[in-house]
PDB file of N, CA and C in Angstrom:
ATOM      1  N   UNK A   1     -11.815   5.179   5.196  1.00  0.00           N
ATOM      2  CA  UNK A   1     -12.715   6.294   4.186  1.00  0.00           C
ATOM      3  C   UNK A   1     -12.457   6.009   2.835  1.00  0.00           C
ATOM      4  N   UNK A   2     -13.347   5.796   1.922  1.00  0.00           N
ATOM      5  CA  UNK A   2     -13.667   4.988   0.626  1.00  0.00           C
ATOM      6  C   UNK A   2     -13.773   6.497  -0.254  1.00  0.00           C
ATOM      7  N   UNK A   3     -12.323   6.570  -0.638  1.00  0.00           N
ATOM      8  CA  UNK A   3     -12.125   7.783  -1.491  1.00  0.00           C
ATOM      9  C   UNK A   3     -12.464   8.136  -2.927  1.00  0.00           C
ATOM     10  N   UNK A   4     -12.851   6.405  -3.235  1.00  0.00           N
ATOM     11  CA  UNK A   4     -13.103   6.495  -5.009  1.00  0.00           C
ATOM     12  C   UNK A   4     -14.302   7.448  -5.465  1.00  0.00           C
ATOM     13  N   UNK A   5     -14.490   8.022  -6.233  1.00  0.00           N
ATOM     14  CA  UNK A   5     -16.075   8.623  -6.450  1.00  0.00           C
ATOM     15  C   UNK A   5     -17.148   7.793  -6.997  1.00  0.00           C
ATOM     16  N   UNK A   6     -18.319   8.240  -6.559  1.00  0.00           N
ATOM     17  CA  UNK A   6     -19.883   7.400  -6.813  1.00  0.00           C
ATOM     18  C   UNK A   6     -19.554   7.516  -8.319  1.00  0.00           C
ATOM     19  N   UNK A   7     -19.441   6.551  -8.931  1.00  0.00           N
ATOM     20  CA  UNK A   7     -19.357   6.719 -10.763  1.00  0.00           C
ATOM     21  C   UNK A   7     -20.993   6.191 -11.467  1.00  0.00           C
ATOM     22  N   UNK A   8     -21.808   6.068 -10.257  1.00  0.00           N
ATOM     23  CA  UNK A   8     -23.303   5.524 -10.750  1.00  0.00           C
ATOM     24  C   UNK A   8     -23.973   6.666 -10.991  1.00  0.00           C
ATOM     25  N   UNK A   9     -24.430   6.385 -12.381  1.00  0.00           N
ATOM     26  CA  UNK A   9     -25.374   7.755 -12.813  1.00  0.00           C
ATOM     27  C   UNK A   9     -26.785   7.596 -12.031  1.00  0.00           C
ATOM     28  N   UNK A  10     -27.010   8.922 -11.674  1.00  0.00           N
ATOM     29  CA  UNK A  10     -28.734   9.178 -11.090  1.00  0.00           C
ATOM     30  C   UNK A  10     -29.659   7.533 -12.210  1.00  0.00           C
ATOM     31  N   UNK A  11     -30.891   7.187 -11.028  1.00  0.00           N
ATOM     32  CA  UNK A  11     -31.853   6.326 -12.147  1.00  0.00           C
ATOM     33  C   UNK A  11     -32.481   7.331 -13.444  1.00  0.00           C
ATOM     34  N   UNK A  12     -32.324   8.760 -13.123  1.00  0.00           N
ATOM     35  CA  UNK A  12     -33.498   9.301 -14.287  1.00  0.00           C
ATOM     36  C   UNK A  12     -32.462   9.607 -15.326  1.00  0.00           C
ATOM     37  N   UNK A  13     -30.999   9.688 -15.130  1.00  0.00           N
ATOM     38  CA  UNK A  13     -29.954   9.967 -16.201  1.00  0.00           C
ATOM     39  C   UNK A  13     -29.996   8.222 -16.981  1.00  0.00           C
ATOM     40  N   UNK A  14     -29.731   7.304 -15.915  1.00  0.00           N
ATOM     41  CA  UNK A  14     -29.422   6.237 -16.558  1.00  0.00           C
ATOM     42  C   UNK A  14     -30.396   5.944 -17.379  1.00  0.00           C
ATOM     43  N   UNK A  15     -31.855   5.494 -17.220  1.00  0.00           N
ATOM     44  CA  UNK A  15     -33.480   5.190 -17.460  1.00  0.00           C
ATOM     45  C   UNK A  15     -33.126   6.057 -18.920  1.00  0.00           C
ATOM     46  N   UNK A  16     -32.531   7.115 -18.905  1.00  0.00           N
ATOM     47  CA  UNK A  16     -33.128   8.092 -20.246  1.00  0.00           C
ATOM     48  C   UNK A  16     -31.449   7.747 -21.115  1.00  0.00           C
ATOM     49  N   UNK A  17     -30.584   7.597 -20.521  1.00  0.00           N
ATOM     50  CA  UNK A  17     -29.381   7.199 -21.414  1.00  0.00           C
ATOM     51  C   UNK A  17     -29.356   5.415 -21.985  1.00  0.00           C
ATOM     52  N   UNK A  18     -30.047   4.655 -21.334  1.00  0.00           N
ATOM     53  CA  UNK A  18     -30.009   3.126 -21.522  1.00  0.00           C
ATOM     54  C   UNK A  18     -31.034   2.715 -22.926  1.00  0.00           C
ATOM     55  N   UNK A  19     -32.212   3.279 -23.123  1.00  0.00           N
ATOM     56  CA  UNK A  19     -32.903   3.102 -24.177  1.00  0.00           C
ATOM     57  C   UNK A  19     -32.371   3.991 -25.761  1.00  0.00           C
ATOM     58  N   UNK A  20     -31.894   4.941 -25.037  1.00  0.00           N
ATOM     59  CA  UNK A  20     -30.836   5.856 -26.318  1.00  0.00           C
ATOM     60  C   UNK A  20     -29.321   5.221 -27.314  1.00  0.00           C
ATOM     61  N   UNK A  21     -29.108   4.254 -26.104  1.00  0.00           N
ATOM     62  CA  UNK A  21     -28.038   3.406 -26.647  1.00  0.00           C
ATOM     63  C   UNK A  21     -28.443   2.319 -27.374  1.00  0.00           C
ATOM     64  N   UNK A  22     -29.333   1.592 -26.888  1.00  0.00           N
ATOM     65  CA  UNK A  22     -29.943   0.685 -27.104  1.00  0.00           C
ATOM     66  C   UNK A  22     -30.365   0.794 -28.500  1.00  0.00           C
ATOM     67  N   UNK A  23     -31.174   1.763 -28.705  1.00  0.00           N
ATOM     68  CA  UNK A  23     -32.150   2.302 -29.578  1.00  0.00           C
ATOM     69  C   UNK A  23     -30.969   2.251 -31.240  1.00  0.00           C
ATOM     70  N   UNK A  24     -29.953   3.257 -30.765  1.00  0.00           N
ATOM     71  CA  UNK A  24     -28.628   3.076 -31.898  1.00  0.00           C
ATOM     72  C   UNK A  24     -28.004   1.765 -32.031  1.00  0.00           C
ATOM     73  N   UNK A  25     -27.634   0.800 -30.986  1.00  0.00           N
ATOM     74  CA  UNK A  25     -27.355  -0.354 -31.354  1.00  0.00           C
ATOM     75  C   UNK A  25     -28.348  -0.949 -32.504  1.00  0.00           C
ATOM     76  N   UNK A  26     -29.372  -1.121 -32.207  1.00  0.00           N
ATOM     77  CA  UNK A  26     -30.576  -1.880 -32.631  1.00  0.00           C
ATOM     78  C   UNK A  26     -30.801  -1.316 -34.112  1.00  0.00           C
ATOM     79  N   UNK A  27     -30.654   0.395 -34.816  1.00  0.00           N
ATOM     80  CA  UNK A  27     -30.588   0.514 -35.566  1.00  0.00           C
ATOM     81  C   UNK A  27     -29.760  -0.118 -36.675  1.00  0.00           C
ATOM     82  N   UNK A  28     -28.040   0.089 -35.618  1.00  0.00           N
ATOM     83  CA  UNK A  28     -27.379  -0.175 -36.578  1.00  0.00           C
ATOM     84  C   UNK A  28     -27.142  -1.717 -37.050  1.00  0.00           C
ATOM     85  N   UNK A  29     -27.469  -2.679 -35.521  1.00  0.00           N
ATOM     86  CA  UNK A  29     -27.406  -4.177 -36.290  1.00  0.00           C
ATOM     87  C   UNK A  29     -28.707  -3.967 -37.470  1.00  0.00           C
ATOM     88  N   UNK A  30     -29.815  -3.573 -37.294  1.00  0.00           N
ATOM     89  CA  UNK A  30     -30.513  -3.719 -38.164  1.00  0.00           C
ATOM     90  C   UNK A  30     -30.733  -3.333 -40.037  1.00  0.00           C
ATOM     91  N   UNK A  31     -29.587  -2.331 -39.439  1.00  0.00           N
ATOM     92  CA  UNK A  31     -29.373  -1.688 -40.895  1.00  0.00           C
ATOM     93  C   UNK A  31     -27.988  -2.857 -41.849  1.00  0.00           C
ATOM     94  N   UNK A  32     -27.232  -2.909 -40.746  1.00  0.00           N
ATOM     95  CA  UNK A  32     -25.924  -4.068 -40.929  1.00  0.00           C
ATOM     96  C   UNK A  32     -26.781  -5.394 -41.895  1.00  0.00           C
ATOM     97  N   UNK A  33     -27.735  -6.232 -41.057  1.00  0.00           N
ATOM     98  CA  UNK A  33     -28.399  -6.904 -41.422  1.00  0.00           C
ATOM     99  C   UNK A  33     -28.966  -7.023 -43.212  1.00  0.00           C
ATOM    100  N   UNK A  34     -29.597  -5.597 -43.019  1.00  0.00           N
ATOM    101  CA  UNK A  34     -30.073  -5.351 -43.996  1.00  0.00           C
ATOM    102  C   UNK A  34     -29.629  -5.579 -45.224  1.00  0.00           C
ATOM    103  N   UNK A  35     -28.156  -4.632 -45.036  1.00  0.00           N
ATOM    104  CA  UNK A  35     -27.189  -4.524 -45.947  1.00  0.00           C
ATOM    105  C   UNK A  35     -26.317  -5.633 -46.550  1.00  0.00           C
ATOM    106  N   UNK A  36     -26.317  -6.718 -45.572  1.00  0.00           N
ATOM    107  CA  UNK A  36     -25.494  -7.973 -45.680  1.00  0.00           C
ATOM    108  C   UNK A  36     -26.687  -8.764 -46.357  1.00  0.00           C
ATOM    109  N   UNK A  37     -27.657  -8.712 -46.421  1.00  0.00           N
ATOM    110  CA  UNK A  37     -28.762  -9.291 -46.931  1.00  0.00           C
ATOM    111  C   UNK A  37     -28.686 -10.662 -46.858  1.00  0.00           C
ATOM    112  N   UNK A  38     -28.699 -10.980 -45.544  1.00  0.00           N
ATOM    113  CA  UNK A  38     -28.710 -12.085 -45.282  1.00  0.00           C
ATOM    114  C   UNK A  38     -27.658 -12.862 -45.002  1.00  0.00           C
ATOM    115  N   UNK A  39     -26.391 -12.232 -44.784  1.00  0.00           N
ATOM    116  CA  UNK A  39     -25.009 -13.051 -44.922  1.00  0.00           C
ATOM    117  C   UNK A  39     -24.234 -12.607 -43.608  1.00  0.00           C
ATOM    118  N   UNK A  40     -25.162 -12.441 -42.936  1.00  0.00           N
ATOM    119  CA  UNK A  40     -24.169 -11.774 -41.645  1.00  0.00           C
ATOM    120  C   UNK A  40     -23.500 -13.213 -41.151  1.00  0.00           C
ATOM    121  N   UNK A  41     -22.003 -12.760 -40.890  1.00  0.00           N
ATOM    122  CA  UNK A  41     -21.152 -13.853 -39.939  1.00  0.00           C
ATOM    123  C   UNK A  41     -20.882 -13.840 -38.492  1.00  0.00           C
ATOM    124  N   UNK A  42     -20.564 -14.011 -37.976  1.00  0.00           N
ATOM    125  CA  UNK A  42     -19.914 -13.566 -36.629  1.00  0.00           C
ATOM    126  C   UNK A  42     -20.168 -12.367 -35.963  1.00  0.00           C
ATOM    127  N   UNK A  43     -21.247 -12.255 -36.143  1.00  0.00           N
ATOM    128  CA  UNK A  43     -22.010 -10.629 -36.025  1.00  0.00           C
ATOM    129  C   UNK A  43     -21.789 -10.806 -33.999  1.00  0.00           C
ATOM    130  N   UNK A  44     -21.971 -11.229 -33.096  1.00  0.00           N
ATOM    131  CA  UNK A  44     -21.518 -10.719 -32.217  1.00  0.00           C
ATOM    132  C   UNK A  44     -20.153 -10.280 -32.172  1.00  0.00           C
ATOM    133  N   UNK A  45     -19.196 -10.852 -32.746  1.00  0.00           N
ATOM    134  CA  UNK A  45     -17.056 -10.712 -32.390  1.00  0.00           C
ATOM    135  C   UNK A  45     -17.242  -8.866 -32.958  1.00  0.00           C
ATOM    136  N   UNK A  46     -17.622  -9.081 -34.280  1.00  0.00           N
ATOM    137  CA  UNK A  46     -17.713  -7.858 -35.079  1.00  0.00           C
ATOM    138  C   UNK A  46     -18.000  -6.337 -34.276  1.00  0.00           C
ATOM    139  N   UNK A  47     -19.482  -6.877 -33.590  1.00  0.00           N
ATOM    140  CA  UNK A  47     -20.244  -5.791 -32.656  1.00  0.00           C
ATOM    141  C   UNK A  47     -19.349  -5.295 -31.761  1.00  0.00           C
ATOM    142  N   UNK A  48     -19.069  -6.024 -30.749  1.00  0.00           N
ATOM    143  CA  UNK A  48     -18.059  -6.396 -29.956  1.00  0.00           C
ATOM    144  C   UNK A  48     -16.602  -5.419 -30.472  1.00  0.00           C
ATOM    145  N   UNK A  49     -16.389  -5.889 -31.282  1.00  0.00           N
ATOM    146  CA  UNK A  49     -15.158  -5.237 -31.642  1.00  0.00           C
ATOM    147  C   UNK A  49     -15.131  -3.925 -32.107  1.00  0.00           C
ATOM    148  N   UNK A  50     -16.164  -3.583 -32.935  1.00  0.00           N
ATOM    149  CA  UNK A  50     -16.473  -1.914 -33.180  1.00  0.00           C
ATOM    150  C   UNK A  50     -16.962  -0.865 -32.453  1.00  0.00           C
ATOM    151  N   UNK A  51     -17.658  -2.338 -30.748  1.00  0.00           N
ATOM    152  CA  UNK A  51     -17.797  -0.972 -29.673  1.00  0.00           C
ATOM    153  C   UNK A  51     -16.862  -1.040 -28.899  1.00  0.00           C
ATOM    154  N   UNK A  52     -15.996  -1.538 -28.654  1.00  0.00           N
ATOM    155  CA  UNK A  52     -15.197  -1.314 -27.598  1.00  0.00           C
ATOM    156  C   UNK A  52     -14.049  -0.661 -27.692  1.00  0.00           C
ATOM    157  N   UNK A  53     -12.992  -0.592 -29.105  1.00  0.00           N
ATOM    158  CA  UNK A  53     -12.052   0.395 -29.258  1.00  0.00           C
ATOM    159  C   UNK A  53     -12.611   1.973 -28.571  1.00  0.00           C
ATOM    160  N   UNK A  54     -14.007   2.560 -29.208  1.00  0.00           N
ATOM    161  CA  UNK A  54     -14.350   4.205 -28.857  1.00  0.00           C
ATOM    162  C   UNK A  54     -14.953   3.898 -27.981  1.00  0.00           C
ATOM    163  N   UNK A  55     -15.442   2.859 -27.029  1.00  0.00           N
ATOM    164  CA  UNK A  55     -16.039   2.830 -25.669  1.00  0.00           C
ATOM    165  C   UNK A  55     -14.311   3.070 -24.861  1.00  0.00           C
ATOM    166  N   UNK A  56     -13.542   2.317 -24.995  1.00  0.00           N
ATOM    167  CA  UNK A  56     -12.527   2.757 -24.504  1.00  0.00           C
ATOM    168  C   UNK A  56     -11.522   3.710 -24.453  1.00  0.00           C
ATOM    169  N   UNK A  57     -11.694   4.495 -25.545  1.00  0.00           N
ATOM    170  CA  UNK A  57     -11.011   5.618 -26.273  1.00  0.00           C
ATOM    171  C   UNK A  57     -11.770   6.866 -25.344  1.00  0.00           C
ATOM    172  N   UNK A  58     -13.126   6.699 -25.439  1.00  0.00           N
ATOM    173  CA  UNK A  58     -13.576   7.872 -24.482  1.00  0.00           C
ATOM    174  C   UNK A  58     -13.629   7.820 -23.503  1.00  0.00           C
ATOM    175  N   UNK A  59     -13.812   6.484 -22.747  1.00  0.00           N
ATOM    176  CA  UNK A  59     -13.675   6.535 -21.239  1.00  0.00           C
ATOM    177  C   UNK A  59     -12.321   6.801 -20.472  1.00  0.00           C
ATOM    178  N   UNK A  60     -11.083   6.383 -22.009  1.00  0.00           N
ATOM    179  CA  UNK A  60      -9.814   7.128 -20.933  1.00  0.00           C
ATOM    180  C   UNK A  60      -9.464   8.350 -20.923  1.00  0.00           C
ATOM    181  N   UNK A  61     -10.598   8.964 -22.338  1.00  0.00           N
ATOM    182  CA  UNK A  61     -10.571  10.771 -22.380  1.00  0.00           C
ATOM    183  C   UNK A  61     -11.155  11.164 -21.334  1.00  0.00           C
ATOM    184  N   UNK A  62     -12.232  10.636 -21.342  1.00  0.00           N
ATOM    185  CA  UNK A  62     -13.183  11.299 -19.901  1.00  0.00           C
ATOM    186  C   UNK A  62     -12.369  11.200 -18.676  1.00  0.00           C
ATOM    187  N   UNK A  63     -11.663  10.054 -18.097  1.00  0.00           N
ATOM    188  CA  UNK A  63     -10.824  10.261 -16.976  1.00  0.00           C
ATOM    189  C   UNK A  63      -9.706  10.675 -17.173  1.00  0.00           C
ATOM    190  N   UNK A  64      -9.133  11.302 -18.319  1.00  0.00           N
ATOM    191  CA  UNK A  64      -8.036  12.124 -18.156  1.00  0.00           C
ATOM    192  C   UNK A  64      -6.849  11.248 -18.194  1.00  0.00           C
ATOM    193  N   UNK A  65      -7.212   9.892 -18.896  1.00  0.00           N
ATOM    194  CA  UNK A  65      -5.774   8.731 -18.987  1.00  0.00           C
ATOM    195  C   UNK A  65      -5.950   8.587 -18.018  1.00  0.00           C
ATOM    196  N   UNK A  66      -6.389   8.538 -16.932  1.00  0.00           N
ATOM    197  CA  UNK A  66      -6.013   8.108 -15.623  1.00  0.00           C
ATOM    198  C   UNK A  66      -7.133   6.436 -15.529  1.00  0.00           C
ATOM    199  N   UNK A  67      -5.932   5.607 -15.788  1.00  0.00           N
ATOM    200  CA  UNK A  67      -6.512   4.156 -15.905  1.00  0.00           C
ATOM    201  C   UNK A  67      -7.229   3.070 -14.718  1.00  0.00           C
ATOM    202  N   UNK A  68      -7.094   3.824 -13.611  1.00  0.00           N
ATOM    203  CA  UNK A  68      -7.457   3.344 -12.567  1.00  0.00           C
ATOM    204  C   UNK A  68      -9.398   4.083 -12.318  1.00  0.00           C
ATOM    205  N   UNK A  69      -9.237   5.207 -12.531  1.00  0.00           N
ATOM    206  CA  UNK A  69     -10.545   5.956 -12.777  1.00  0.00           C
ATOM    207  C   UNK A  69     -11.533   5.076 -14.029  1.00  0.00           C
ATOM    208  N   UNK A  70     -10.670   5.343 -15.151  1.00  0.00           N
ATOM    209  CA  UNK A  70     -11.474   4.699 -16.146  1.00  0.00           C
ATOM    210  C   UNK A  70     -11.795   3.092 -16.466  1.00  0.00           C
ATOM    211  N   UNK A  71     -10.683   2.120 -15.506  1.00  0.00           N
ATOM    212  CA  UNK A  71     -11.728   0.978 -15.000  1.00  0.00           C
ATOM    213  C   UNK A  71     -12.340   0.319 -13.941  1.00  0.00           C
ATOM    214  N   UNK A  72     -12.426   2.132 -13.285  1.00  0.00           N
ATOM    215  CA  UNK A  72     -13.900   1.654 -12.765  1.00  0.00           C
ATOM    216  C   UNK A  72     -14.908   2.280 -12.741  1.00  0.00           C
ATOM    217  N   UNK A  73     -14.886   3.095 -13.957  1.00  0.00           N
ATOM    218  CA  UNK A  73     -16.228   3.357 -14.633  1.00  0.00           C
ATOM    219  C   UNK A  73     -16.630   2.508 -15.595  1.00  0.00           C
ATOM    220  N   UNK A  74     -16.051   1.283 -15.927  1.00  0.00           N
ATOM    221  CA  UNK A  74     -15.930   0.496 -16.996  1.00  0.00           C
ATOM    222  C   UNK A  74     -16.537  -0.327 -15.938  1.00  0.00           C
ATOM    223  N   UNK A  75     -16.058  -0.844 -14.632  1.00  0.00           N
ATOM    224  CA  UNK A  75     -16.489  -2.073 -14.061  1.00  0.00           C
ATOM    225  C   UNK A  75     -15.492  -2.558 -14.402  1.00  0.00           C
ATOM    226  N   UNK A  76     -14.178  -3.180 -14.669  1.00  0.00           N
ATOM    227  CA  UNK A  76     -13.780  -3.952 -14.836  1.00  0.00           C
ATOM    228  C   UNK A  76     -12.229  -3.830 -14.264  1.00  0.00           C
ATOM    229  N   UNK A  77     -11.301  -5.025 -13.932  1.00  0.00           N
ATOM    230  CA  UNK A  77     -10.080  -4.515 -13.095  1.00  0.00           C
ATOM    231  C   UNK A  77      -9.236  -3.589 -14.034  1.00  0.00           C
ATOM    232  N   UNK A  78      -8.164  -2.802 -13.589  1.00  0.00           N
ATOM    233  CA  UNK A  78      -7.218  -2.214 -14.277  1.00  0.00           C
ATOM    234  C   UNK A  78      -5.833  -2.824 -15.029  1.00  0.00           C
ATOM    235  N   UNK A  79      -6.119  -3.977 -14.868  1.00  0.00           N
ATOM    236  CA  UNK A  79      -5.058  -5.403 -15.553  1.00  0.00           C
ATOM    237  C   UNK A  79      -5.579  -5.502 -16.811  1.00  0.00           C
ATOM    238  N   UNK A  80      -6.967  -5.307 -16.621  1.00  0.00           N
ATOM    239  CA  UNK A  80      -7.660  -6.059 -17.571  1.00  0.00           C
ATOM    240  C   UNK A  80      -7.754  -4.668 -18.899  1.00  0.00           C
ATOM    241  N   UNK A  81      -8.199  -3.293 -18.235  1.00  0.00           N
ATOM    242  CA  UNK A  81      -7.903  -2.311 -19.193  1.00  0.00           C
ATOM    243  C   UNK A  81      -7.254  -2.561 -20.067  1.00  0.00           C
ATOM    244  N   UNK A  82      -5.746  -1.840 -19.104  1.00  0.00           N
ATOM    245  CA  UNK A  82      -4.591  -2.088 -20.024  1.00  0.00           C
ATOM    246  C   UNK A  82      -5.008  -3.425 -21.018  1.00  0.00           C
ATOM    247  N   UNK A  83      -4.814  -4.201 -20.683  1.00  0.00           N
ATOM    248  CA  UNK A  83      -4.610  -5.891 -21.965  1.00  0.00           C
ATOM    249  C   UNK A  83      -5.807  -4.975 -23.115  1.00  0.00           C
ATOM    250  N   UNK A  84      -6.866  -4.776 -22.799  1.00  0.00           N
ATOM    251  CA  UNK A  84      -7.736  -3.901 -23.626  1.00  0.00           C
ATOM    252  C   UNK A  84      -7.413  -3.020 -24.412  1.00  0.00           C
ATOM    253  N   UNK A  85      -6.138  -1.901 -24.163  1.00  0.00           N
ATOM    254  CA  UNK A  85      -6.020  -0.951 -24.463  1.00  0.00           C
ATOM    255  C   UNK A  85      -4.526  -1.205 -25.253  1.00  0.00           C
ATOM    256  N   UNK A  86      -4.088  -2.179 -24.808  1.00  0.00           N
ATOM    257  CA  UNK A  86      -2.835  -2.496 -25.705  1.00  0.00           C
ATOM    258  C   UNK A  86      -3.390  -3.458 -27.317  1.00  0.00           C
ATOM    259  N   UNK A  87      -4.203  -4.410 -26.681  1.00  0.00           N
ATOM    260  CA  UNK A  87      -5.150  -4.595 -28.471  1.00  0.00           C
ATOM    261  C   UNK A  87      -5.452  -3.687 -28.840  1.00  0.00           C
ATOM    262  N   UNK A  88      -6.069  -2.513 -28.655  1.00  0.00           N
ATOM    263  CA  UNK A  88      -6.819  -1.875 -29.682  1.00  0.00           C
ATOM    264  C   UNK A  88      -5.815  -0.517 -30.132  1.00  0.00           C
ATOM    265  N   UNK A  89      -4.370  -0.900 -29.545  1.00  0.00           N
ATOM    266  CA  UNK A  89      -3.736   0.195 -29.707  1.00  0.00           C
ATOM    267  C   UNK A  89      -3.729   1.605 -29.294  1.00  0.00           C
ATOM    268  N   UNK A  90      -4.632   1.485 -28.227  1.00  0.00           N
ATOM    269  CA  UNK A  90      -4.815   2.671 -27.798  1.00  0.00           C
ATOM    270  C   UNK A  90      -3.603   3.357 -26.144  1.00  0.00           C
TER     271      UNK A  90
END
């Protein structure tokens, strides 16, 4: 018996959320590049660092602090989640 909850969003919800998230990222990157006036460096690492910490915080809050539930929602293993939480001081 599989006791793990089905964490997959419905197709309608997923299709509505993905463009919104993508558009937010696109706008933020466009603005950053504009503000940097062509002097962007290591943008990939910057974006990942800026996104990962709030992502982990929000998912941990949603999971009520349950690392197993949060790891499942993120699609990573619990040890990886613990490492990332420590890295970000969460």
